[in-house]
C-alpha atoms as a PDB file:
ATOM      1  CA  MET A   1      80.495  34.828 -21.411  1.00  0.00           C
ATOM      2  CA  PHE A   2      78.073  32.113 -20.390  1.00  0.00           C
ATOM      3  CA  LYS A   3      76.522  32.038 -16.951  1.00  0.00           C
ATOM      4  CA  ARG A   4      76.907  28.630 -15.290  1.00  0.00           C
ATOM      5  CA  THR A   5      73.809  26.949 -13.916  1.00  0.00           C
ATOM      6  CA  GLU A   6      74.081  26.207 -10.196  1.00  0.00           C
ATOM      7  CA  THR A   7      74.020  22.430  -9.720  1.00  0.00           C
ATOM      8  CA  LYS A   8      74.264  20.077  -6.779  1.00  0.00           C
ATOM      9  CA  PRO A   9      77.687  18.394  -6.550  1.00  0.00           C
ATOM     10  CA  ILE A  10      77.680  14.575  -6.612  1.00  0.00           C
ATOM     11  CA  PHE A  11      80.439  11.975  -6.395  1.00  0.00           C
ATOM     12  CA  VAL A  12      81.043   9.274  -9.012  1.00  0.00           C
ATOM     13  CA  LYS A  13      83.735   6.839  -7.858  1.00  0.00           C
ATOM     14  CA  GLY A  14      85.497   9.548  -5.861  1.00  0.00           C
ATOM     15  CA  LEU A  15      85.235  12.200  -8.604  1.00  0.00           C
ATOM     16  CA  GLN A  16      83.121  15.222  -7.700  1.00  0.00           C
ATOM     17  CA  ILE A  17      80.921  16.430 -10.549  1.00  0.00           C
ATOM     18  CA  GLY A  18      78.673  19.469 -10.532  1.00  0.00           C
ATOM     19  CA  GLY A  19      78.574  22.417  -8.170  1.00  0.00           C
ATOM     20  CA  GLN A  20      81.303  24.891  -9.056  1.00  0.00           C
ATOM     21  CA  ASN A  21      83.728  22.201 -10.266  1.00  0.00           C
ATOM     22  CA  LYS A  22      85.251  22.258 -13.731  1.00  0.00           C
ATOM     23  CA  VAL A  23      83.512  20.277 -16.453  1.00  0.00           C
ATOM     24  CA  VAL A  24      84.765  16.699 -16.722  1.00  0.00           C
ATOM     25  CA  ILE A  25      84.873  15.122 -20.174  1.00  0.00           C
ATOM     26  CA  GLN A  26      85.800  11.590 -21.136  1.00  0.00           C
ATOM     27  CA  SER A  27      86.437  10.552 -24.705  1.00  0.00           C
ATOM     28  CA  MET A  28      87.571   7.542 -26.697  1.00  0.00           C
ATOM     29  CA  CYS A  29      89.448   7.036 -29.944  1.00  0.00           C
ATOM     30  CA  ASN A  30      87.781   5.201 -32.804  1.00  0.00           C
ATOM     31  CA  THR A  31      91.000   4.099 -34.487  1.00  0.00           C
ATOM     32  CA  LYS A  32      92.621   0.676 -34.523  1.00  0.00           C
ATOM     33  CA  THR A  33      95.042   0.595 -31.589  1.00  0.00           C
ATOM     34  CA  LYS A  34      97.665  -1.069 -33.790  1.00  0.00           C
ATOM     35  CA  ASP A  35      97.593   2.067 -35.961  1.00  0.00           C
ATOM     36  CA  VAL A  36      99.687   4.087 -33.523  1.00  0.00           C
ATOM     37  CA  GLU A  37     100.115   7.139 -35.759  1.00  0.00           C
ATOM     38  CA  SER A  38      96.366   7.575 -36.342  1.00  0.00           C
ATOM     39  CA  THR A  39      95.572   6.950 -32.682  1.00  0.00           C
ATOM     40  CA  VAL A  40      98.126   9.499 -31.451  1.00  0.00           C
ATOM     41  CA  ASN A  41      96.888  12.061 -34.016  1.00  0.00           C
ATOM     42  CA  GLN A  42      93.322  11.580 -32.798  1.00  0.00           C
ATOM     43  CA  ILE A  43      94.419  11.994 -29.156  1.00  0.00           C
ATOM     44  CA  LEU A  44      96.249  15.227 -30.028  1.00  0.00           C
ATOM     45  CA  LYS A  45      93.135  16.563 -31.789  1.00  0.00           C
ATOM     46  CA  LEU A  46      91.012  15.732 -28.730  1.00  0.00           C
ATOM     47  CA  GLU A  47      93.515  17.488 -26.505  1.00  0.00           C
ATOM     48  CA  ASN A  48      93.110  20.716 -28.505  1.00  0.00           C
ATOM     49  CA  ILE A  49      89.283  20.827 -28.387  1.00  0.00           C
ATOM     50  CA  ARG A  50      88.040  23.824 -26.444  1.00  0.00           C
ATOM     51  CA  MET A  51      84.500  23.792 -25.159  1.00  0.00           C
END
């Protein structure tokens, strides 16, 4: 298991990042939004990524 580095918590638009908080990740799709099937498939793949 990895040991977490102690960090100072900060706020970004009301969201607390750092300290002992969980890691926050934001992602985007690179598919055409009109291609619903491909976009949904990409979202489902992102949902299953474990860091």
